[in-house]
Each structure stands twice: as C-alpha cells, then as structure tokens.
N, C-alpha and C. Protein backbone atom coordinates (compact mmCIF):
# COMPACT_ATOMS: atom_id res chain seq x y z
N UNK A 1 43.52 -12.41 73.55
CA UNK A 1 44.79 -13.12 73.46
C UNK A 1 45.79 -12.48 74.40
N UNK A 2 46.85 -13.18 74.68
CA UNK A 2 47.93 -12.62 75.49
C UNK A 2 48.69 -11.58 74.67
N UNK A 3 49.31 -10.64 75.35
CA UNK A 3 50.06 -9.58 74.67
C UNK A 3 51.16 -10.15 73.79
N UNK A 4 51.79 -11.23 74.23
CA UNK A 4 52.85 -11.83 73.43
C UNK A 4 52.29 -12.44 72.14
N UNK A 5 51.06 -12.96 72.19
CA UNK A 5 50.43 -13.48 70.97
C UNK A 5 50.14 -12.33 70.00
N UNK A 6 49.63 -11.23 70.52
CA UNK A 6 49.36 -10.07 69.68
C UNK A 6 50.65 -9.53 69.09
N UNK A 7 51.72 -9.56 69.87
CA UNK A 7 53.03 -9.09 69.39
C UNK A 7 53.51 -9.94 68.21
N UNK A 8 53.23 -11.24 68.28
CA UNK A 8 53.73 -12.17 67.27
C UNK A 8 52.90 -12.18 65.99
N UNK A 9 51.68 -11.72 66.06
CA UNK A 9 50.78 -11.80 64.90
C UNK A 9 50.44 -10.41 64.39
N UNK A 10 50.99 -10.02 63.25
CA UNK A 10 50.77 -8.67 62.73
C UNK A 10 49.30 -8.36 62.42
N UNK A 11 48.48 -9.38 62.19
CA UNK A 11 47.08 -9.15 61.87
C UNK A 11 46.19 -8.89 63.07
N UNK A 12 46.75 -8.99 64.29
CA UNK A 12 45.97 -8.77 65.50
C UNK A 12 46.06 -7.30 65.90
N UNK A 13 44.91 -6.70 66.13
CA UNK A 13 44.88 -5.32 66.60
C UNK A 13 44.45 -5.31 68.06
N UNK A 14 45.29 -4.77 68.92
CA UNK A 14 44.97 -4.68 70.35
C UNK A 14 44.01 -3.51 70.55
N UNK A 15 42.84 -3.81 71.10
CA UNK A 15 41.85 -2.75 71.32
C UNK A 15 41.65 -2.44 72.79
N UNK A 16 42.30 -3.21 73.65
CA UNK A 16 42.21 -2.96 75.08
C UNK A 16 43.12 -3.91 75.84
N UNK A 17 43.47 -3.52 77.05
CA UNK A 17 44.31 -4.36 77.90
C UNK A 17 43.73 -4.35 79.32
N UNK A 18 44.01 -5.39 80.05
CA UNK A 18 43.60 -5.47 81.45
C UNK A 18 44.72 -4.93 82.33
N UNK A 19 44.37 -4.26 83.42
CA UNK A 19 45.42 -3.80 84.34
C UNK A 19 46.19 -5.00 84.91
N UNK A 20 47.48 -4.83 85.12
CA UNK A 20 48.30 -5.93 85.63
C UNK A 20 47.80 -6.45 86.97
N UNK A 21 47.20 -5.57 87.79
CA UNK A 21 46.74 -6.01 89.10
C UNK A 21 45.34 -6.64 89.07
N UNK A 22 44.79 -6.86 87.88
CA UNK A 22 43.45 -7.46 87.77
C UNK A 22 43.48 -8.98 87.70
N UNK A 23 44.68 -9.56 87.68
CA UNK A 23 44.81 -11.02 87.58
C UNK A 23 46.18 -11.43 88.10
N UNK A 24 46.31 -12.70 88.49
CA UNK A 24 47.63 -13.16 88.91
C UNK A 24 48.60 -13.10 87.73
N UNK A 25 49.89 -13.01 88.01
CA UNK A 25 50.87 -13.01 86.92
C UNK A 25 50.75 -14.29 86.08
N UNK A 26 50.96 -14.16 84.80
CA UNK A 26 50.93 -15.31 83.90
C UNK A 26 52.37 -15.81 83.77
N UNK A 27 52.59 -17.02 84.19
CA UNK A 27 53.94 -17.60 84.16
C UNK A 27 53.91 -18.94 83.44
N UNK A 28 55.02 -19.29 82.87
CA UNK A 28 55.19 -20.57 82.17
C UNK A 28 56.34 -21.32 82.84
N UNK A 29 56.07 -22.04 83.92
CA UNK A 29 57.16 -22.75 84.61
C UNK A 29 57.65 -23.94 83.80
N UNK A 30 58.89 -24.28 84.02
CA UNK A 30 59.48 -25.44 83.36
C UNK A 30 60.41 -26.13 84.36
N UNK A 31 60.39 -27.45 84.34
CA UNK A 31 61.26 -28.22 85.22
C UNK A 31 61.37 -29.63 84.69
N UNK A 32 62.44 -30.30 85.05
CA UNK A 32 62.58 -31.72 84.75
C UNK A 32 62.01 -32.49 85.93
N UNK A 33 61.16 -33.45 85.64
CA UNK A 33 60.57 -34.27 86.69
C UNK A 33 61.66 -35.14 87.32
N UNK A 34 61.53 -35.40 88.61
CA UNK A 34 62.54 -36.16 89.35
C UNK A 34 62.76 -37.55 88.76
N UNK A 35 61.70 -38.17 88.25
CA UNK A 35 61.84 -39.52 87.72
C UNK A 35 62.05 -39.56 86.21
N UNK A 36 62.35 -38.42 85.62
CA UNK A 36 62.56 -38.35 84.17
C UNK A 36 63.82 -39.12 83.77
N UNK A 37 63.72 -39.81 82.66
CA UNK A 37 64.89 -40.50 82.11
C UNK A 37 65.36 -39.86 80.80
N UNK A 38 64.80 -38.70 80.49
CA UNK A 38 65.15 -38.00 79.26
C UNK A 38 66.56 -37.43 79.39
N UNK A 39 67.50 -37.98 78.64
CA UNK A 39 68.89 -37.54 78.74
C UNK A 39 69.12 -36.15 78.15
N UNK A 40 68.19 -35.66 77.34
CA UNK A 40 68.36 -34.33 76.73
C UNK A 40 67.75 -33.21 77.57
N UNK A 41 66.97 -33.56 78.57
CA UNK A 41 66.29 -32.54 79.37
C UNK A 41 67.24 -31.54 80.04
N UNK A 42 68.32 -31.99 80.68
CA UNK A 42 69.21 -31.00 81.30
C UNK A 42 69.77 -29.97 80.31
N UNK A 43 70.15 -30.42 79.12
CA UNK A 43 70.67 -29.49 78.11
C UNK A 43 69.59 -28.53 77.65
N UNK A 44 68.36 -29.03 77.51
CA UNK A 44 67.25 -28.16 77.10
C UNK A 44 66.99 -27.10 78.17
N UNK A 45 66.97 -27.51 79.43
CA UNK A 45 66.76 -26.54 80.52
C UNK A 45 67.88 -25.52 80.57
N UNK A 46 69.11 -25.96 80.35
CA UNK A 46 70.25 -25.04 80.33
C UNK A 46 70.11 -24.05 79.18
N UNK A 47 69.66 -24.52 78.04
CA UNK A 47 69.44 -23.65 76.89
C UNK A 47 68.38 -22.59 77.21
N UNK A 48 67.29 -23.02 77.85
CA UNK A 48 66.23 -22.07 78.20
C UNK A 48 66.73 -20.97 79.13
N UNK A 49 67.73 -21.27 79.94
CA UNK A 49 68.24 -20.31 80.91
C UNK A 49 69.41 -19.48 80.37
N UNK A 50 69.77 -19.68 79.12
CA UNK A 50 70.91 -18.95 78.56
C UNK A 50 70.53 -17.49 78.27
N UNK A 51 71.53 -16.65 78.23
CA UNK A 51 71.31 -15.23 77.93
C UNK A 51 70.71 -15.05 76.53
N UNK A 52 71.20 -15.84 75.57
CA UNK A 52 70.70 -15.73 74.20
C UNK A 52 69.21 -16.05 74.13
N UNK A 53 68.80 -17.13 74.79
CA UNK A 53 67.39 -17.49 74.80
C UNK A 53 66.57 -16.42 75.52
N UNK A 54 67.11 -15.88 76.61
CA UNK A 54 66.43 -14.81 77.33
C UNK A 54 66.17 -13.61 76.42
N UNK A 55 67.14 -13.26 75.61
CA UNK A 55 66.98 -12.14 74.69
C UNK A 55 65.90 -12.44 73.63
N UNK A 56 65.84 -13.69 73.19
CA UNK A 56 64.80 -14.07 72.22
C UNK A 56 63.42 -13.92 72.85
N UNK A 57 63.27 -14.42 74.08
CA UNK A 57 61.99 -14.29 74.77
C UNK A 57 61.62 -12.82 74.97
N UNK A 58 62.58 -12.01 75.40
CA UNK A 58 62.33 -10.59 75.61
C UNK A 58 61.91 -9.90 74.32
N UNK A 59 62.53 -10.27 73.20
CA UNK A 59 62.19 -9.67 71.91
C UNK A 59 60.75 -10.01 71.50
N UNK A 60 60.22 -11.11 72.04
CA UNK A 60 58.84 -11.50 71.74
C UNK A 60 57.85 -10.95 72.76
N UNK A 61 58.34 -10.13 73.68
CA UNK A 61 57.44 -9.48 74.64
C UNK A 61 57.32 -10.15 75.99
N UNK A 62 58.10 -11.20 76.23
CA UNK A 62 58.03 -11.89 77.52
C UNK A 62 58.94 -11.22 78.52
N UNK A 63 58.64 -11.40 79.80
CA UNK A 63 59.52 -11.00 80.89
C UNK A 63 60.22 -12.26 81.36
N UNK A 64 61.53 -12.23 81.42
CA UNK A 64 62.31 -13.41 81.82
C UNK A 64 62.54 -13.33 83.32
N UNK A 65 62.11 -14.37 84.02
CA UNK A 65 62.28 -14.42 85.47
C UNK A 65 63.55 -15.17 85.83
N UNK A 66 64.07 -14.91 87.01
CA UNK A 66 65.23 -15.62 87.52
C UNK A 66 64.79 -16.98 88.02
N UNK A 67 65.48 -18.06 87.64
CA UNK A 67 65.10 -19.38 88.12
C UNK A 67 65.17 -19.45 89.65
N UNK A 68 64.24 -20.17 90.24
CA UNK A 68 64.27 -20.35 91.69
C UNK A 68 64.54 -21.82 92.00
N UNK A 69 65.07 -22.07 93.15
CA UNK A 69 65.39 -23.45 93.54
C UNK A 69 64.34 -23.97 94.48
C-alpha cells in the first residue's frame, strides 16, 4: 500500500519501504476540463488549493505541491 494508506489505517504494519529513487513520484493531478460545465468545479479547485486543505493533506502524510500553469 502507499505510505499515506498505511498512515490512515492503524491496523496496517509497515514492514518495508521502497527507496524514493526506485520509482517515479506518485502524484494526484487535478484540473477542470476545458469543456466542463460544472459550475461548482472552480470553487472545489480553489478549496483544494487552500492553506487549510494543504494542512489536512500534510497531516495525512501527503506532500503538497505548488500548482503549475
């Protein structure tokens, strides 16, 4: 499992880890599609980029990246 999954589940015991340079970085990109008509998407994306949400992700073991254009 991913380290963040192990962090979230108290019943999981980590018995080994892979070196960071043994695989590409694991990222979870998010974006609104150009043809999207979802009126709530911009607010959701703004929420994901907020400092408060960043702190929640960090508390769960994630690394928060800076959005790129």
